[in-house]
Amino acid sequence: MGLTSVDQSGIEMGSLAAKLLVERIQGRQEAVSTVVAPRLVIRRTTAPPPGV
């Protein structure tokens, strides 16, 4: 069964984490907040809205 889910790119998050870690090692002191955009993966468990 294909379950509808939200994909959070592990590759993108890992790459960003490594970049931020290197910056921190190089002396960056301030905190950084970053949003990695999720992606809705629609599969067979998604139904149309009621009344459609």
C-alpha atoms as a PDB file:
ATOM      1  CA  MET A   1       0.000   0.000   0.000  1.00  0.00           C
ATOM      2  CA  GLY A   2       1.321   3.451  -0.896  1.00  0.00           C
ATOM      3  CA  LEU A   3       0.967   5.748   2.096  1.00  0.00           C
ATOM      4  CA  THR A   4       0.688   9.507   1.522  1.00  0.00           C
ATOM      5  CA  SER A   5       3.487  11.182   3.456  1.00  0.00           C
ATOM      6  CA  VAL A   6       5.641  14.266   3.869  1.00  0.00           C
ATOM      7  CA  ASP A   7       9.168  14.019   2.464  1.00  0.00           C
ATOM      8  CA  GLN A   8      11.893  15.907   4.297  1.00  0.00           C
ATOM      9  CA  SER A   9      15.010  15.666   2.160  1.00  0.00           C
ATOM     10  CA  GLY A  10      17.613  13.825   4.220  1.00  0.00           C
ATOM     11  CA  ILE A  11      20.304  14.723   1.710  1.00  0.00           C
ATOM     12  CA  GLU A  12      19.499  18.438   1.891  1.00  0.00           C
ATOM     13  CA  MET A  13      19.284  18.400   5.708  1.00  0.00           C
ATOM     14  CA  GLY A  14      22.551  16.464   6.014  1.00  0.00           C
ATOM     15  CA  SER A  15      24.345  18.809   3.634  1.00  0.00           C
ATOM     16  CA  LEU A  16      23.073  21.843   5.520  1.00  0.00           C
ATOM     17  CA  ALA A  17      24.055  20.321   8.879  1.00  0.00           C
ATOM     18  CA  ALA A  18      27.599  19.648   7.643  1.00  0.00           C
ATOM     19  CA  LYS A  19      27.900  23.207   6.286  1.00  0.00           C
ATOM     20  CA  LEU A  20      26.686  24.697   9.577  1.00  0.00           C
ATOM     21  CA  LEU A  21      29.044  22.478  11.572  1.00  0.00           C
ATOM     22  CA  VAL A  22      32.045  23.613   9.495  1.00  0.00           C
ATOM     23  CA  GLU A  23      30.996  27.255   9.997  1.00  0.00           C
ATOM     24  CA  ARG A  24      30.739  26.673  13.756  1.00  0.00           C
ATOM     25  CA  ILE A  25      34.186  25.035  13.860  1.00  0.00           C
ATOM     26  CA  GLN A  26      35.568  28.036  11.959  1.00  0.00           C
ATOM     27  CA  GLY A  27      34.324  30.336  14.704  1.00  0.00           C
ATOM     28  CA  ARG A  28      30.792  31.462  13.890  1.00  0.00           C
ATOM     29  CA  GLN A  29      29.085  32.252  17.209  1.00  0.00           C
ATOM     30  CA  GLU A  30      25.557  33.335  16.305  1.00  0.00           C
ATOM     31  CA  ALA A  31      22.733  30.820  15.980  1.00  0.00           C
ATOM     32  CA  VAL A  32      21.248  30.149  12.549  1.00  0.00           C
ATOM     33  CA  SER A  33      17.668  29.111  11.852  1.00  0.00           C
ATOM     34  CA  THR A  34      16.976  27.472   8.506  1.00  0.00           C
ATOM     35  CA  VAL A  35      13.820  25.922   7.063  1.00  0.00           C
ATOM     36  CA  VAL A  36      14.086  22.963   4.720  1.00  0.00           C
ATOM     37  CA  ALA A  37      10.856  22.923   2.718  1.00  0.00           C
ATOM     38  CA  PRO A  38       8.926  19.659   2.999  1.00  0.00           C
ATOM     39  CA  ARG A  39       7.220  18.014   0.024  1.00  0.00           C
ATOM     40  CA  LEU A  40       3.835  16.264   0.107  1.00  0.00           C
ATOM     41  CA  VAL A  41       4.060  12.856  -1.559  1.00  0.00           C
ATOM     42  CA  ILE A  42       0.540  11.833  -2.571  1.00  0.00           C
ATOM     43  CA  ARG A  43       0.023   8.111  -2.965  1.00  0.00           C
ATOM     44  CA  ARG A  44      -2.956   5.750  -2.960  1.00  0.00           C
ATOM     45  CA  THR A  45      -4.147   6.583   0.580  1.00  0.00           C
ATOM     46  CA  THR A  46      -5.317  10.077  -0.380  1.00  0.00           C
ATOM     47  CA  ALA A  47      -9.034  10.556  -1.020  1.00  0.00           C
ATOM     48  CA  PRO A  48     -10.780  13.440  -2.769  1.00  0.00           C
ATOM     49  CA  PRO A  49     -12.401  16.096  -0.527  1.00  0.00           C
ATOM     50  CA  PRO A  50     -15.976  15.331   0.614  1.00  0.00           C
ATOM     51  CA  GLY A  51     -18.603  16.254  -1.958  1.00  0.00           C
ATOM     52  CA  VAL A  52     -16.284  15.983  -4.969  1.00  0.00           C
END
